C-alpha atoms as a PDB file:
ATOM      1  CA  UNK A   1      91.666  89.159 106.964  1.00  0.00           C
ATOM      2  CA  UNK A   2      93.083  88.722 108.840  1.00  0.00           C
ATOM      3  CA  UNK A   3      94.834  89.275 107.462  1.00  0.00           C
ATOM      4  CA  UNK A   4      96.721  88.437 106.910  1.00  0.00           C
ATOM      5  CA  UNK A   5     100.241  90.299 106.667  1.00  0.00           C
ATOM      6  CA  UNK A   6      99.488  93.670 104.469  1.00  0.00           C
ATOM      7  CA  UNK A   7     101.005  94.310 101.601  1.00  0.00           C
ATOM      8  CA  UNK A   8     103.373  91.423 100.393  1.00  0.00           C
ATOM      9  CA  UNK A   9     104.949  90.573 103.834  1.00  0.00           C
ATOM     10  CA  UNK A  10     104.883  87.285 105.344  1.00  0.00           C
ATOM     11  CA  UNK A  11     105.194  86.336 108.913  1.00  0.00           C
ATOM     12  CA  UNK A  12     105.449  83.163 110.938  1.00  0.00           C
ATOM     13  CA  UNK A  13     102.251  81.004 110.492  1.00  0.00           C
ATOM     14  CA  UNK A  14     101.045  81.349 114.139  1.00  0.00           C
ATOM     15  CA  UNK A  15     100.809  84.965 113.543  1.00  0.00           C
ATOM     16  CA  UNK A  16      99.168  85.376 109.878  1.00  0.00           C
ATOM     17  CA  UNK A  17      95.828  83.904 110.851  1.00  0.00           C
ATOM     18  CA  UNK A  18      94.861  86.837 112.991  1.00  0.00           C
ATOM     19  CA  UNK A  19      96.874  89.384 110.890  1.00  0.00           C
ATOM     20  CA  UNK A  20      94.463  88.191 108.104  1.00  0.00           C
ATOM     21  CA  UNK A  21      91.622  88.511 110.301  1.00  0.00           C
ATOM     22  CA  UNK A  22      92.710  91.958 111.940  1.00  0.00           C
ATOM     23  CA  UNK A  23      93.957  94.113 109.027  1.00  0.00           C
ATOM     24  CA  UNK A  24      90.724  93.123 107.277  1.00  0.00           C
ATOM     25  CA  UNK A  25      88.943  94.646 110.262  1.00  0.00           C
ATOM     26  CA  UNK A  26      91.031  97.517 109.778  1.00  0.00           C
ATOM     27  CA  UNK A  27      91.000  99.330 106.431  1.00  0.00           C
ATOM     28  CA  UNK A  28      87.425 100.697 105.575  1.00  0.00           C
ATOM     29  CA  UNK A  29      87.150 102.943 102.183  1.00  0.00           C
ATOM     30  CA  UNK A  30      84.396 105.730 102.728  1.00  0.00           C
ATOM     31  CA  UNK A  31      83.123 107.721  99.320  1.00  0.00           C
ATOM     32  CA  UNK A  32      81.912 110.621 100.270  1.00  0.00           C
ATOM     33  CA  UNK A  33      82.129 110.469 103.514  1.00  0.00           C
ATOM     34  CA  UNK A  34      84.490 111.530 106.867  1.00  0.00           C
ATOM     35  CA  UNK A  35      88.114 110.842 106.892  1.00  0.00           C
ATOM     36  CA  UNK A  36      89.371 108.806 109.416  1.00  0.00           C
ATOM     37  CA  UNK A  37      92.292 106.841 110.830  1.00  0.00           C
ATOM     38  CA  UNK A  38      92.618 103.206 112.547  1.00  0.00           C
ATOM     39  CA  UNK A  39      95.569 102.434 114.005  1.00  0.00           C
ATOM     40  CA  UNK A  40      96.155  98.682 114.362  1.00  0.00           C
ATOM     41  CA  UNK A  41      98.211  96.685 116.741  1.00  0.00           C
ATOM     42  CA  UNK A  42      98.532  92.536 116.242  1.00  0.00           C
ATOM     43  CA  UNK A  43      99.630  90.628 119.644  1.00  0.00           C
ATOM     44  CA  UNK A  44     100.084  86.717 120.824  1.00  0.00           C
ATOM     45  CA  UNK A  45      98.201  85.911 123.425  1.00  0.00           C
ATOM     46  CA  UNK A  46      99.180  87.811 126.426  1.00  0.00           C
ATOM     47  CA  UNK A  47     102.213  89.319 125.526  1.00  0.00           C
ATOM     48  CA  UNK A  48     102.347  92.993 126.129  1.00  0.00           C
ATOM     49  CA  UNK A  49     104.342  94.178 123.219  1.00  0.00           C
ATOM     50  CA  UNK A  50     102.787  93.834 119.430  1.00  0.00           C
ATOM     51  CA  UNK A  51     104.121  92.021 116.866  1.00  0.00           C
ATOM     52  CA  UNK A  52     102.888  94.043 114.003  1.00  0.00           C
ATOM     53  CA  UNK A  53     101.778  97.464 113.948  1.00  0.00           C
ATOM     54  CA  UNK A  54      99.971  99.597 110.878  1.00  0.00           C
ATOM     55  CA  UNK A  55      98.044 102.785 110.342  1.00  0.00           C
ATOM     56  CA  UNK A  56      95.061 102.870 107.932  1.00  0.00           C
ATOM     57  CA  UNK A  57      93.703 106.123 106.438  1.00  0.00           C
ATOM     58  CA  UNK A  58      90.694 106.766 104.355  1.00  0.00           C
ATOM     59  CA  UNK A  59      90.737 109.548 102.310  1.00  0.00           C
ATOM     60  CA  UNK A  60      88.405 110.660  99.184  1.00  0.00           C
ATOM     61  CA  UNK A  61      87.381 107.361  98.730  1.00  0.00           C
ATOM     62  CA  UNK A  62      91.028 105.821  98.667  1.00  0.00           C
ATOM     63  CA  UNK A  63      92.882 103.650 101.223  1.00  0.00           C
ATOM     64  CA  UNK A  64      96.137 104.088 102.591  1.00  0.00           C
ATOM     65  CA  UNK A  65      97.528 101.363 104.519  1.00  0.00           C
ATOM     66  CA  UNK A  66     100.924 101.617 106.338  1.00  0.00           C
ATOM     67  CA  UNK A  67     102.699  98.863 107.960  1.00  0.00           C
ATOM     68  CA  UNK A  68     105.290  99.577 110.260  1.00  0.00           C
ATOM     69  CA  UNK A  69     107.605  96.864 110.297  1.00  0.00           C
ATOM     70  CA  UNK A  70     109.036  95.877 107.324  1.00  0.00           C
ATOM     71  CA  UNK A  71     107.906  98.914 105.706  1.00  0.00           C
ATOM     72  CA  UNK A  72     105.410  98.860 103.214  1.00  0.00           C
ATOM     73  CA  UNK A  73     102.435 100.718 101.862  1.00  0.00           C
ATOM     74  CA  UNK A  74      99.312  99.582 100.166  1.00  0.00           C
ATOM     75  CA  UNK A  75      96.629 101.866  98.281  1.00  0.00           C
ATOM     76  CA  UNK A  76      93.127 100.913  97.688  1.00  0.00           C
ATOM     77  CA  UNK A  77      90.876 102.614  94.918  1.00  0.00           C
ATOM     78  CA  UNK A  78      87.241 101.017  94.731  1.00  0.00           C
ATOM     79  CA  UNK A  79      85.586  99.925  91.800  1.00  0.00           C
ATOM     80  CA  UNK A  80      83.835 103.058  89.857  1.00  0.00           C
ATOM     81  CA  UNK A  81      82.795 104.090  86.603  1.00  0.00           C
ATOM     82  CA  UNK A  82      82.982 100.710  84.998  1.00  0.00           C
ATOM     83  CA  UNK A  83      86.592 100.275  85.903  1.00  0.00           C
ATOM     84  CA  UNK A  84      87.536  97.743  88.280  1.00  0.00           C
ATOM     85  CA  UNK A  85      88.995  98.019  91.911  1.00  0.00           C
ATOM     86  CA  UNK A  86      92.388  97.982  92.109  1.00  0.00           C
ATOM     87  CA  UNK A  87      95.611  97.301  95.075  1.00  0.00           C
ATOM     88  CA  UNK A  88      98.442  99.155  94.504  1.00  0.00           C
ATOM     89  CA  UNK A  89     101.698  97.585  96.739  1.00  0.00           C
ATOM     90  CA  UNK A  90     104.296 100.018  97.147  1.00  0.00           C
ATOM     91  CA  UNK A  91     107.598  98.788  98.541  1.00  0.00           C
ATOM     92  CA  UNK A  92     109.879 101.691  99.707  1.00  0.00           C
ATOM     93  CA  UNK A  93     112.873  99.868 100.326  1.00  0.00           C
ATOM     94  CA  UNK A  94     113.331  98.419  96.661  1.00  0.00           C
ATOM     95  CA  UNK A  95     111.268 101.527  95.015  1.00  0.00           C
ATOM     96  CA  UNK A  96     109.237  99.254  93.775  1.00  0.00           C
ATOM     97  CA  UNK A  97     105.437  98.900  93.004  1.00  0.00           C
ATOM     98  CA  UNK A  98     102.931  96.141  91.786  1.00  0.00           C
ATOM     99  CA  UNK A  99      98.990  96.151  90.823  1.00  0.00           C
ATOM    100  CA  UNK A 100      96.715  94.129  91.277  1.00  0.00           C
ATOM    101  CA  UNK A 101      92.637  94.222  90.154  1.00  0.00           C
ATOM    102  CA  UNK A 102      89.862  93.140  92.034  1.00  0.00           C
ATOM    103  CA  UNK A 103      88.231  90.757  89.206  1.00  0.00           C
ATOM    104  CA  UNK A 104      92.098  88.798  89.605  1.00  0.00           C
ATOM    105  CA  UNK A 105      91.316  88.745  93.514  1.00  0.00           C
ATOM    106  CA  UNK A 106      87.882  87.648  92.855  1.00  0.00           C
ATOM    107  CA  UNK A 107      88.742  84.780  90.076  1.00  0.00           C
ATOM    108  CA  UNK A 108      91.405  83.634  92.430  1.00  0.00           C
ATOM    109  CA  UNK A 109      89.225  83.459  95.663  1.00  0.00           C
ATOM    110  CA  UNK A 110      86.961  81.095  93.560  1.00  0.00           C
ATOM    111  CA  UNK A 111      89.443  78.909  92.510  1.00  0.00           C
ATOM    112  CA  UNK A 112      90.646  78.514  95.732  1.00  0.00           C
ATOM    113  CA  UNK A 113      87.206  77.702  97.066  1.00  0.00           C
ATOM    114  CA  UNK A 114      86.829  74.730  94.509  1.00  0.00           C
ATOM    115  CA  UNK A 115      90.325  73.444  95.338  1.00  0.00           C
ATOM    116  CA  UNK A 116      89.585  73.386  98.916  1.00  0.00           C
ATOM    117  CA  UNK A 117      86.504  71.664  98.773  1.00  0.00           C
ATOM    118  CA  UNK A 118      88.025  69.031  96.993  1.00  0.00           C
ATOM    119  CA  UNK A 119      90.792  67.487  99.327  1.00  0.00           C
ATOM    120  CA  UNK A 120      90.311  65.189 102.520  1.00  0.00           C
ATOM    121  CA  UNK A 121      91.983  68.066 104.894  1.00  0.00           C
ATOM    122  CA  UNK A 122      88.726  68.796 107.337  1.00  0.00           C
ATOM    123  CA  UNK A 123      90.132  72.386 108.142  1.00  0.00           C
ATOM    124  CA  UNK A 124      90.141  73.292 104.351  1.00  0.00           C
ATOM    125  CA  UNK A 125      86.257  71.993 103.809  1.00  0.00           C
ATOM    126  CA  UNK A 126      85.625  74.163 106.650  1.00  0.00           C
ATOM    127  CA  UNK A 127      87.303  77.138 105.072  1.00  0.00           C
ATOM    128  CA  UNK A 128      85.971  76.811 102.226  1.00  0.00           C
ATOM    129  CA  UNK A 129      82.339  76.967 103.189  1.00  0.00           C
ATOM    130  CA  UNK A 130      82.598  77.509 107.261  1.00  0.00           C
ATOM    131  CA  UNK A 131      79.151  77.091 109.263  1.00  0.00           C
ATOM    132  CA  UNK A 132      79.566  79.460 112.716  1.00  0.00           C
ATOM    133  CA  UNK A 133      77.129  79.706 115.839  1.00  0.00           C
ATOM    134  CA  UNK A 134      76.907  83.449 115.599  1.00  0.00           C
ATOM    135  CA  UNK A 135      75.624  85.390 118.739  1.00  0.00           C
ATOM    136  CA  UNK A 136      75.553  89.301 119.213  1.00  0.00           C
ATOM    137  CA  UNK A 137      74.816  91.349 122.410  1.00  0.00           C
ATOM    138  CA  UNK A 138      73.467  94.694 121.516  1.00  0.00           C
ATOM    139  CA  UNK A 139      73.896  96.301 125.466  1.00  0.00           C
ATOM    140  CA  UNK A 140      77.562  95.400 125.312  1.00  0.00           C
ATOM    141  CA  UNK A 141      78.483  95.046 121.396  1.00  0.00           C
ATOM    142  CA  UNK A 142      80.204  91.737 121.909  1.00  0.00           C
ATOM    143  CA  UNK A 143      79.945  89.396 118.841  1.00  0.00           C
ATOM    144  CA  UNK A 144      80.869  85.899 119.060  1.00  0.00           C
ATOM    145  CA  UNK A 145      81.568  83.603 115.483  1.00  0.00           C
ATOM    146  CA  UNK A 146      81.836  79.739 116.876  1.00  0.00           C
ATOM    147  CA  UNK A 147      82.399  76.715 115.171  1.00  0.00           C
ATOM    148  CA  UNK A 148      84.563  73.792 115.618  1.00  0.00           C
ATOM    149  CA  UNK A 149      87.703  74.708 114.086  1.00  0.00           C
ATOM    150  CA  UNK A 150      88.068  78.580 114.777  1.00  0.00           C
ATOM    151  CA  UNK A 151      85.944  81.369 117.328  1.00  0.00           C
ATOM    152  CA  UNK A 152      86.041  84.728 117.065  1.00  0.00           C
ATOM    153  CA  UNK A 153      85.530  87.063 120.135  1.00  0.00           C
ATOM    154  CA  UNK A 154      85.037  90.614 119.126  1.00  0.00           C
ATOM    155  CA  UNK A 155      84.317  93.693 120.883  1.00  0.00           C
ATOM    156  CA  UNK A 156      82.338  96.157 118.763  1.00  0.00           C
ATOM    157  CA  UNK A 157      81.191  99.716 118.593  1.00  0.00           C
ATOM    158  CA  UNK A 158      78.622 101.402 116.455  1.00  0.00           C
ATOM    159  CA  UNK A 159      80.543 103.590 113.682  1.00  0.00           C
ATOM    160  CA  UNK A 160      80.474 107.297 114.054  1.00  0.00           C
ATOM    161  CA  UNK A 161      79.567 107.433 110.512  1.00  0.00           C
ATOM    162  CA  UNK A 162      76.800 105.097 109.720  1.00  0.00           C
ATOM    163  CA  UNK A 163      76.826 106.109 106.123  1.00  0.00           C
ATOM    164  CA  UNK A 164      80.260 104.421 105.502  1.00  0.00           C
ATOM    165  CA  UNK A 165      79.414 101.144 106.861  1.00  0.00           C
ATOM    166  CA  UNK A 166      78.280 100.036 102.581  1.00  0.00           C
ATOM    167  CA  UNK A 167      81.693 101.143 101.639  1.00  0.00           C
ATOM    168  CA  UNK A 168      83.467 100.022 104.963  1.00  0.00           C
ATOM    169  CA  UNK A 169      82.072  96.228 104.016  1.00  0.00           C
ATOM    170  CA  UNK A 170      82.842  96.249 100.384  1.00  0.00           C
ATOM    171  CA  UNK A 171      86.258  97.031 101.317  1.00  0.00           C
ATOM    172  CA  UNK A 172      86.973  94.525 104.022  1.00  0.00           C
ATOM    173  CA  UNK A 173      85.904  92.039 101.788  1.00  0.00           C
ATOM    174  CA  UNK A 174      88.149  92.831  99.136  1.00  0.00           C
ATOM    175  CA  UNK A 175      91.108  93.241 101.328  1.00  0.00           C
ATOM    176  CA  UNK A 176      90.299  89.810 102.808  1.00  0.00           C
ATOM    177  CA  UNK A 177      90.784  88.560  99.425  1.00  0.00           C
ATOM    178  CA  UNK A 178      94.215  90.512  98.766  1.00  0.00           C
ATOM    179  CA  UNK A 179      95.770  88.923 101.822  1.00  0.00           C
ATOM    180  CA  UNK A 180      94.650  85.421 101.164  1.00  0.00           C
ATOM    181  CA  UNK A 181      96.239  85.671  97.674  1.00  0.00           C
ATOM    182  CA  UNK A 182      99.354  87.184  99.015  1.00  0.00           C
ATOM    183  CA  UNK A 183     100.001  84.542 102.254  1.00  0.00           C
ATOM    184  CA  UNK A 184      98.823  81.684  99.734  1.00  0.00           C
ATOM    185  CA  UNK A 185      96.415  81.099 102.568  1.00  0.00           C
ATOM    186  CA  UNK A 186      92.992  78.763 102.942  1.00  0.00           C
ATOM    187  CA  UNK A 187      90.185  80.147 101.625  1.00  0.00           C
ATOM    188  CA  UNK A 188      89.021  83.597 103.176  1.00  0.00           C
ATOM    189  CA  UNK A 189      85.506  82.478 103.811  1.00  0.00           C
ATOM    190  CA  UNK A 190      85.939  82.573 107.707  1.00  0.00           C
ATOM    191  CA  UNK A 191      87.018  86.331 107.750  1.00  0.00           C
ATOM    192  CA  UNK A 192      84.426  86.958 105.027  1.00  0.00           C
ATOM    193  CA  UNK A 193      81.383  85.441 107.225  1.00  0.00           C
ATOM    194  CA  UNK A 194      82.793  87.517 110.277  1.00  0.00           C
ATOM    195  CA  UNK A 195      82.710  90.682 107.471  1.00  0.00           C
ATOM    196  CA  UNK A 196      79.218  90.152 106.964  1.00  0.00           C
ATOM    197  CA  UNK A 197      78.316  89.833 110.701  1.00  0.00           C
ATOM    198  CA  UNK A 198      79.910  93.135 111.388  1.00  0.00           C
ATOM    199  CA  UNK A 199      78.258  94.773 108.670  1.00  0.00           C
ATOM    200  CA  UNK A 200      74.712  93.179 109.647  1.00  0.00           C
ATOM    201  CA  UNK A 201      74.908  94.458 113.165  1.00  0.00           C
ATOM    202  CA  UNK A 202      76.279  97.736 111.802  1.00  0.00           C
ATOM    203  CA  UNK A 203      79.303  98.074 114.036  1.00  0.00           C
ATOM    204  CA  UNK A 204      83.096  98.309 113.442  1.00  0.00           C
ATOM    205  CA  UNK A 205      85.697  95.838 115.885  1.00  0.00           C
ATOM    206  CA  UNK A 206      87.877  97.585 118.344  1.00  0.00           C
ATOM    207  CA  UNK A 207      88.991  94.563 119.461  1.00  0.00           C
ATOM    208  CA  UNK A 208      89.282  90.758 117.997  1.00  0.00           C
ATOM    209  CA  UNK A 209      90.566  87.476 119.415  1.00  0.00           C
ATOM    210  CA  UNK A 210      90.978  84.447 117.433  1.00  0.00           C
ATOM    211  CA  UNK A 211      91.480  80.776 118.664  1.00  0.00           C
ATOM    212  CA  UNK A 212      92.207  78.002 116.268  1.00  0.00           C
ATOM    213  CA  UNK A 213      91.622  74.180 117.366  1.00  0.00           C
ATOM    214  CA  UNK A 214      95.072  72.760 118.063  1.00  0.00           C
ATOM    215  CA  UNK A 215      96.567  76.077 118.276  1.00  0.00           C
ATOM    216  CA  UNK A 216      97.378  76.879 122.380  1.00  0.00           C
ATOM    217  CA  UNK A 217      98.145  80.917 122.099  1.00  0.00           C
ATOM    218  CA  UNK A 218      95.232  83.023 120.702  1.00  0.00           C
ATOM    219  CA  UNK A 219      96.025  86.058 118.579  1.00  0.00           C
ATOM    220  CA  UNK A 220      94.347  89.481 119.285  1.00  0.00           C
ATOM    221  CA  UNK A 221      94.193  92.648 117.156  1.00  0.00           C
ATOM    222  CA  UNK A 222      93.189  95.926 118.732  1.00  0.00           C
ATOM    223  CA  UNK A 223      92.209  99.009 116.878  1.00  0.00           C
ATOM    224  CA  UNK A 224      91.768 102.644 117.832  1.00  0.00           C
ATOM    225  CA  UNK A 225      89.670 104.531 115.432  1.00  0.00           C
ATOM    226  CA  UNK A 226      89.808 108.352 115.335  1.00  0.00           C
ATOM    227  CA  UNK A 227      87.531 109.917 112.792  1.00  0.00           C
ATOM    228  CA  UNK A 228      89.804 112.693 111.552  1.00  0.00           C
ATOM    229  CA  UNK A 229      93.098 113.102 109.838  1.00  0.00           C
ATOM    230  CA  UNK A 230      95.709 115.142 111.394  1.00  0.00           C
ATOM    231  CA  UNK A 231      98.458 117.163 109.214  1.00  0.00           C
ATOM    232  CA  UNK A 232     101.034 114.262 109.402  1.00  0.00           C
ATOM    233  CA  UNK A 233      98.200 111.993 108.058  1.00  0.00           C
ATOM    234  CA  UNK A 234      97.677 114.048 105.332  1.00  0.00           C
ATOM    235  CA  UNK A 235     101.530 114.527 104.376  1.00  0.00           C
ATOM    236  CA  UNK A 236     101.695 110.538 104.374  1.00  0.00           C
ATOM    237  CA  UNK A 237      99.226 110.183 101.914  1.00  0.00           C
ATOM    238  CA  UNK A 238     100.668 112.862  99.687  1.00  0.00           C
ATOM    239  CA  UNK A 239     103.902 110.632  99.866  1.00  0.00           C
ATOM    240  CA  UNK A 240     102.557 107.451  99.060  1.00  0.00           C
ATOM    241  CA  UNK A 241     100.860 109.164  96.047  1.00  0.00           C
ATOM    242  CA  UNK A 242     104.310 110.934  95.175  1.00  0.00           C
ATOM    243  CA  UNK A 243     105.959 107.108  95.197  1.00  0.00           C
ATOM    244  CA  UNK A 244     103.133 106.059  92.557  1.00  0.00           C
ATOM    245  CA  UNK A 245     105.017 108.254  90.249  1.00  0.00           C
ATOM    246  CA  UNK A 246     108.254 107.571  91.047  1.00  0.00           C
ATOM    247  CA  UNK A 247     108.635 103.678  92.070  1.00  0.00           C
ATOM    248  CA  UNK A 248     109.380 101.261  89.112  1.00  0.00           C
ATOM    249  CA  UNK A 249     106.236  99.228  87.817  1.00  0.00           C
ATOM    250  CA  UNK A 250     106.701  95.619  88.107  1.00  0.00           C
ATOM    251  CA  UNK A 251     104.966  92.550  87.976  1.00  0.00           C
ATOM    252  CA  UNK A 252     103.280  90.645  90.966  1.00  0.00           C
ATOM    253  CA  UNK A 253     105.696  87.593  90.950  1.00  0.00           C
ATOM    254  CA  UNK A 254     108.757  89.970  90.960  1.00  0.00           C
ATOM    255  CA  UNK A 255     107.494  92.252  93.564  1.00  0.00           C
ATOM    256  CA  UNK A 256     106.628  89.303  95.837  1.00  0.00           C
ATOM    257  CA  UNK A 257     110.037  87.773  95.263  1.00  0.00           C
ATOM    258  CA  UNK A 258     112.197  87.167  98.081  1.00  0.00           C
ATOM    259  CA  UNK A 259     109.106  88.212 100.462  1.00  0.00           C
ATOM    260  CA  UNK A 260     108.377  84.558 101.258  1.00  0.00           C
ATOM    261  CA  UNK A 261     109.460  82.283 103.561  1.00  0.00           C
ATOM    262  CA  UNK A 262     110.508  79.384 100.768  1.00  0.00           C
ATOM    263  CA  UNK A 263     112.298  82.072  98.788  1.00  0.00           C
ATOM    264  CA  UNK A 264     114.618  82.919 101.821  1.00  0.00           C
ATOM    265  CA  UNK A 265     115.007  79.303 102.281  1.00  0.00           C
ATOM    266  CA  UNK A 266     116.741  79.138  98.693  1.00  0.00           C
END
């Protein structure tokens, strides 16, 4: 949703569009459902080596997303009991953590939509309120969202646990908005529309290809679903929870300082 780099890190602009989409697709958050994991790889064009890899684990209503390089961890807790949802971003290198709530994400997204609808830039206007021609083939699981600006071609499969789909959709939407905020990108509406289509057809994505007008290299994300957690997965979750207690909590601005290209140029 994506991208979309997860957990606050930036990559070259050509990669970000699919990262924002791909990692958005990679992170459901089931509550009271089976635990599972997703391995995500991001590729540029026909390249065989991925430009980014992440492992996402779903456990007891929380989501743990581990970006391989640069090493980053993102933990999501869904809204419950009258309390807002929140994302906790962890930087193992600097031993820092920061938090963002779902109300803050929602307010920021709405401001971005309003701003993008005003300029004369046609792509921003599209991103604020996109219109896609959608097609879905139940026999093959092929989902296509087509427009003049962006085209998504998605290979899907039914979820092994259908009861998780509502929770899956909820997390997808929040993670899409998180990546937009972290990347200072355009409105997340195109990715939110794709999230909606996946939920409506009751499927999860295994391969996503995104092409954008004016760009010659398509981007793709590949997702490998495993409907159980290993002992190593559980140990990674324990380590992430330990980091919550030991890392220094800082503001969002301090956490993100030095992670954006404009900061590196200073």
